[in-house]
Protein backbone atom coordinates (compact mmCIF):
# COMPACT_ATOMS: atom_id res chain seq x y z
CA MET A 1 -1.24 15.11 7.58
CA LYS A 2 -3.97 12.71 9.03
CA ILE A 3 -4.85 9.68 7.37
CA SER A 4 -8.83 9.71 7.06
CA ASP A 5 -9.56 6.39 5.83
CA VAL A 6 -7.66 2.70 3.82
CA ARG A 7 -9.29 0.74 2.22
CA ILE A 8 -8.31 -2.83 1.49
CA ARG A 9 -9.12 -5.46 -1.45
CA MET A 10 -8.18 -8.54 -0.65
CA VAL A 11 -6.07 -10.39 -3.30
CA GLN A 12 -6.10 -14.38 -3.38
CA LYS A 13 -3.79 -15.03 -6.37
CA GLN A 14 -1.50 -18.23 -6.32
CA ASP A 15 1.65 -18.68 -6.70
CA SER A 16 1.80 -14.58 -6.16
CA LYS A 17 3.49 -12.42 -3.06
CA LEU A 18 0.14 -9.53 -3.92
CA ARG A 19 -1.71 -10.28 -0.96
CA ALA A 20 -3.40 -6.54 -0.92
CA ILE A 21 -4.42 -3.81 -2.83
CA ALA A 22 -5.24 -0.93 -0.69
CA SER A 23 -6.07 2.96 -0.95
CA ILE A 24 -5.35 6.01 1.54
CA THR A 25 -7.50 8.93 2.00
CA ILE A 26 -5.57 11.75 3.31
CA ASP A 27 -7.22 14.75 5.32
CA ASP A 28 -11.14 13.55 4.05
CA CYS A 29 -9.60 15.43 0.47
CA PHE A 30 -6.83 13.56 -0.92
CA VAL A 31 -7.17 9.82 -2.37
CA ILE A 32 -3.91 7.30 -3.67
CA HIS A 33 -5.23 4.07 -4.93
CA ASP A 34 -3.55 1.10 -5.93
CA ILE A 35 -0.81 0.97 -2.93
CA LYS A 36 0.24 -2.85 -3.11
CA VAL A 37 0.63 -5.29 0.28
CA ILE A 38 3.46 -7.79 -0.57
CA GLU A 39 4.85 -10.49 1.32
CA GLY A 40 8.92 -10.49 1.68
CA SER A 41 11.23 -12.82 3.19
CA ASP A 42 10.77 -10.69 6.85
CA GLY A 43 7.48 -10.13 6.44
CA CYS A 44 4.91 -7.76 4.59
CA PHE A 45 5.38 -4.03 3.02
CA ILE A 46 3.95 -2.06 0.85
CA ALA A 47 4.84 -0.60 -2.43
CA MET A 48 3.73 2.64 -3.73
CA PRO A 49 2.13 2.81 -7.11
CA SER A 50 4.19 2.98 -10.02
CA ARG A 51 4.69 2.78 -13.92
CA LYS A 52 6.69 1.05 -16.18
CA THR A 53 8.79 3.61 -18.22
CA SER A 54 10.31 3.37 -21.99
CA ASP A 55 13.48 1.44 -21.19
CA GLY A 56 11.46 -0.88 -18.23
CA GLU A 57 12.06 0.62 -15.08
CA TYR A 58 9.15 1.04 -12.79
CA LYS A 59 8.76 4.60 -11.03
CA ASP A 60 6.53 5.28 -8.44
CA ILE A 61 3.92 8.07 -9.11
CA ALA A 62 3.29 9.24 -5.93
CA HIS A 63 5.37 8.35 -2.62
CA PRO A 64 5.96 9.96 0.93
CA ILE A 65 8.72 12.33 1.11
CA ASN A 66 10.20 11.84 4.21
CA THR A 67 10.57 8.64 6.95
CA GLU A 68 7.95 9.92 9.11
CA THR A 69 5.55 10.42 6.31
CA ARG A 70 6.86 6.71 5.03
CA GLN A 71 6.43 5.18 8.30
CA GLU A 72 2.76 6.20 9.06
CA VAL A 73 1.23 5.10 5.58
CA SER A 74 3.32 1.81 6.04
CA GLU A 75 2.28 1.44 9.62
CA THR A 76 -1.87 2.29 8.74
CA ILE A 77 -2.30 -0.08 5.83
CA LEU A 78 0.05 -2.71 7.71
CA ALA A 79 -2.47 -2.58 10.35
CA ALA A 80 -5.47 -2.20 7.93
CA PHE A 81 -4.38 -5.33 6.44
CA LYS A 82 -4.25 -7.13 9.24
CA ALA A 83 -7.37 -6.05 10.71
CA SER A 84 -8.93 -7.66 7.19
CA LEU A 85 -7.29 -10.80 7.42
CA ALA A 86 -9.23 -11.41 10.69
CA GLU A 87 -11.74 -10.47 9.81
CA ALA A 88 -11.70 -13.01 6.56
């Protein structure tokens, strides 16, 4: 798997921990939109796209299946986010 493109949309909301929304393209043929970059107490992390179920719980719509892939996706998105911050 190769992440061939990362797009970052910065979010400017007061009183929100949401910092950006990311989209990634995998192998130039599959896109995942609405990956959130959230500021936590230990720094920024990503949250995969999710939807609210009828019982009020949130379930991921798309997510990595193994730790290595999750780490690669997270590191790539957070690096692009930091680069966007540096440009601003």
